Amino acid sequence: ELSGLKKTLNVEVEQLRS
């Protein structure tokens, strides 16, 4: 679902920011 994809993207972005 879209919500699941958005959550995955948020996790990826947080890892990049770290």
PDB file of N, CA and C in Angstrom:
ATOM      1  N   GLU A   1       0.835  -1.222   0.000  1.00  0.00           N
ATOM      2  CA  GLU A   1       0.000   0.000   0.000  1.00  0.00           C
ATOM      3  C   GLU A   1       0.861   1.260   0.000  1.00  0.00           C
ATOM      4  N   LEU A   2       0.249   2.386  -0.327  1.00  0.00           N
ATOM      5  CA  LEU A   2       0.988   3.660  -0.355  1.00  0.00           C
ATOM      6  C   LEU A   2       1.537   3.999   1.022  1.00  0.00           C
ATOM      7  N   SER A   3       0.740   3.793   2.050  1.00  0.00           N
ATOM      8  CA  SER A   3       1.197   4.134   3.401  1.00  0.00           C
ATOM      9  C   SER A   3       2.435   3.318   3.759  1.00  0.00           C
ATOM     10  N   GLY A   4       2.461   2.077   3.345  1.00  0.00           N
ATOM     11  CA  GLY A   4       3.619   1.223   3.629  1.00  0.00           C
ATOM     12  C   GLY A   4       4.850   1.732   2.893  1.00  0.00           C
ATOM     13  N   LEU A   5       4.651   2.141   1.642  1.00  0.00           N
ATOM     14  CA  LEU A   5       5.780   2.665   0.862  1.00  0.00           C
ATOM     15  C   LEU A   5       6.307   3.942   1.489  1.00  0.00           C
ATOM     16  N   LYS A   6       5.395   4.781   1.927  1.00  0.00           N
ATOM     17  CA  LYS A   6       5.815   6.061   2.528  1.00  0.00           C
ATOM     18  C   LYS A   6       6.634   5.807   3.794  1.00  0.00           C
ATOM     19  N   LYS A   7       6.201   4.826   4.581  1.00  0.00           N
ATOM     20  CA  LYS A   7       6.948   4.535   5.810  1.00  0.00           C
ATOM     21  C   LYS A   7       8.352   4.033   5.457  1.00  0.00           C
ATOM     22  N   THR A   8       8.428   3.178   4.441  1.00  0.00           N
ATOM     23  CA  THR A   8       9.739   2.666   4.029  1.00  0.00           C
ATOM     24  C   THR A   8      10.636   3.797   3.563  1.00  0.00           C
ATOM     25  N   LEU A   9      10.066   4.725   2.796  1.00  0.00           N
ATOM     26  CA  LEU A   9      10.854   5.861   2.309  1.00  0.00           C
ATOM     27  C   LEU A   9      11.344   6.693   3.487  1.00  0.00           C
ATOM     28  N   ASN A  10      10.497   6.895   4.474  1.00  0.00           N
ATOM     29  CA  ASN A  10      10.901   7.692   5.646  1.00  0.00           C
ATOM     30  C   ASN A  10      12.079   7.038   6.354  1.00  0.00           C
ATOM     31  N   VAL A  11      12.052   5.724   6.447  1.00  0.00           N
ATOM     32  CA  VAL A  11      13.160   5.017   7.104  1.00  0.00           C
ATOM     33  C   VAL A  11      14.436   5.213   6.309  1.00  0.00           C
ATOM     34  N   GLU A  12      14.344   5.124   4.978  1.00  0.00           N
ATOM     35  CA  GLU A  12      15.528   5.305   4.134  1.00  0.00           C
ATOM     36  C   GLU A  12      16.084   6.719   4.294  1.00  0.00           C
ATOM     37  N   VAL A  13      15.205   7.702   4.306  1.00  0.00           N
ATOM     38  CA  VAL A  13      15.647   9.102   4.441  1.00  0.00           C
ATOM     39  C   VAL A  13      16.333   9.305   5.789  1.00  0.00           C
ATOM     40  N   GLU A  14      15.782   8.720   6.832  1.00  0.00           N
ATOM     41  CA  GLU A  14      16.391   8.886   8.160  1.00  0.00           C
ATOM     42  C   GLU A  14      17.791   8.278   8.174  1.00  0.00           C
ATOM     43  N   GLN A  15      17.972   7.141   7.489  1.00  0.00           N
ATOM     44  CA  GLN A  15      19.287   6.507   7.451  1.00  0.00           C
ATOM     45  C   GLN A  15      20.268   7.395   6.697  1.00  0.00           C
ATOM     46  N   LEU A  16      19.794   8.027   5.622  1.00  0.00           N
ATOM     47  CA  LEU A  16      20.679   8.906   4.850  1.00  0.00           C
ATOM     48  C   LEU A  16      21.077  10.125   5.674  1.00  0.00           C
ATOM     49  N   ARG A  17      20.138  10.643   6.466  1.00  0.00           N
ATOM     50  CA  ARG A  17      20.432  11.834   7.272  1.00  0.00           C
ATOM     51  C   ARG A  17      21.409  11.524   8.392  1.00  0.00           C
ATOM     52  N   SER A  18      21.365  10.309   8.917  1.00  0.00           N
ATOM     53  CA  SER A  18      22.242   9.955  10.039  1.00  0.00           C
ATOM     54  C   SER A  18      23.707  10.187   9.686  1.00  0.00           C
TER      55      SER A  18
END
